[in-house]
């Protein structure tokens, strides 16, 4: 797999040290076929990213209500949403 420019397809909504790392070093995905790297637009404010085709949300179960409200600006009417829950009580 060639090192594709996936920057226009990835919009991370992250906070803290992870946001700083993505903004300074970008994202890299290592696969058996090769490496994909990009310098995406990342933000702590989902509203800055605009509506997305798909939204993947890794979240602790107790924080789900707040997170769900926060991702609303990312959701198009036909957006796919994947919730990956951990810390389920």
Protein backbone atom coordinates (compact mmCIF):
# COMPACT_ATOMS: atom_id res chain seq x y z
CA UNK A 1 0.00 0.00 0.00
CA UNK A 2 1.54 3.32 -0.97
CA UNK A 3 1.83 6.15 1.51
CA UNK A 4 -1.48 7.78 0.58
CA UNK A 5 -2.54 11.31 1.40
CA UNK A 6 -5.41 10.53 3.73
CA UNK A 7 -5.34 13.95 5.41
CA UNK A 8 -8.57 15.05 3.79
CA UNK A 9 -10.35 11.91 5.01
CA UNK A 10 -9.38 11.99 8.69
CA UNK A 11 -10.54 14.60 11.22
CA UNK A 12 -9.63 13.66 14.81
CA UNK A 13 -11.52 15.36 17.64
CA UNK A 14 -9.14 14.85 20.56
CA UNK A 15 -7.89 16.72 23.62
CA UNK A 16 -4.78 17.33 25.66
CA UNK A 17 -1.45 15.68 24.90
CA UNK A 18 -2.91 13.58 22.08
CA UNK A 19 -4.13 16.71 20.29
CA UNK A 20 -0.70 18.32 20.65
CA UNK A 21 1.02 15.17 19.33
CA UNK A 22 -1.27 14.89 16.29
CA UNK A 23 -0.89 18.58 15.49
CA UNK A 24 2.89 18.40 15.68
CA UNK A 25 3.61 14.91 14.27
CA UNK A 26 0.46 13.88 12.42
CA UNK A 27 -0.91 10.34 12.35
CA UNK A 28 0.79 7.19 11.11
CA UNK A 29 -0.88 3.84 10.51
CA UNK A 30 1.41 0.83 10.06
CA UNK A 31 -0.10 -2.08 8.14
CA UNK A 32 1.39 -5.27 6.70
CA UNK A 33 1.12 -3.62 3.27
CA UNK A 34 2.91 -0.41 4.21
CA UNK A 35 2.61 2.86 6.04
CA UNK A 36 -0.05 5.54 5.71
CA UNK A 37 0.76 8.92 7.19
CA UNK A 38 -1.14 12.16 7.25
CA UNK A 39 -1.21 15.60 8.84
CA UNK A 40 -4.95 15.93 9.48
CA UNK A 41 -6.86 18.88 10.84
CA UNK A 42 -7.33 17.89 14.50
CA UNK A 43 -9.30 19.87 17.05
CA UNK A 44 -10.55 19.66 20.61
CA UNK A 45 -13.78 21.27 19.35
CA UNK A 46 -15.82 18.89 17.15
CA UNK A 47 -17.75 21.88 15.76
CA UNK A 48 -14.58 23.03 13.97
CA UNK A 49 -14.41 19.78 11.99
CA UNK A 50 -17.84 19.96 10.38
CA UNK A 51 -20.18 17.13 9.41
CA UNK A 52 -18.51 13.77 8.72
CA UNK A 53 -19.45 10.64 6.74
CA UNK A 54 -18.51 8.38 9.65
CA UNK A 55 -17.72 9.01 13.31
CA UNK A 56 -15.85 6.54 15.54
CA UNK A 57 -16.12 7.26 19.26
CA UNK A 58 -13.98 5.34 21.77
CA UNK A 59 -15.52 6.32 25.11
CA UNK A 60 -15.81 5.31 28.75
CA UNK A 61 -19.42 4.35 29.47
CA UNK A 62 -19.90 6.87 32.30
CA UNK A 63 -18.98 9.76 30.00
CA UNK A 64 -21.21 8.67 27.10
CA UNK A 65 -24.03 11.23 27.65
CA UNK A 66 -21.62 14.18 27.56
CA UNK A 67 -19.68 12.75 24.64
CA UNK A 68 -22.86 12.07 22.67
CA UNK A 69 -23.91 15.71 22.99
CA UNK A 70 -20.43 16.86 21.99
CA UNK A 71 -20.33 14.90 18.73
CA UNK A 72 -23.60 16.33 17.42
CA UNK A 73 -21.79 18.86 15.14
CA UNK A 74 -20.00 15.93 13.44
CA UNK A 75 -23.14 14.08 12.43
CA UNK A 76 -24.63 14.33 8.99
CA UNK A 77 -28.13 12.95 8.61
CA UNK A 78 -26.76 9.72 7.09
CA UNK A 79 -23.52 9.47 9.10
CA UNK A 80 -22.40 6.10 10.40
CA UNK A 81 -21.57 6.15 14.12
CA UNK A 82 -19.44 3.52 15.84
CA UNK A 83 -19.31 3.61 19.65
CA UNK A 84 -16.51 1.61 21.25
CA UNK A 85 -17.39 1.43 24.95
CA UNK A 86 -15.02 0.60 27.75
CA UNK A 87 -15.27 0.95 31.53
CA UNK A 88 -18.81 -0.42 31.42
CA UNK A 89 -20.13 -0.51 35.01
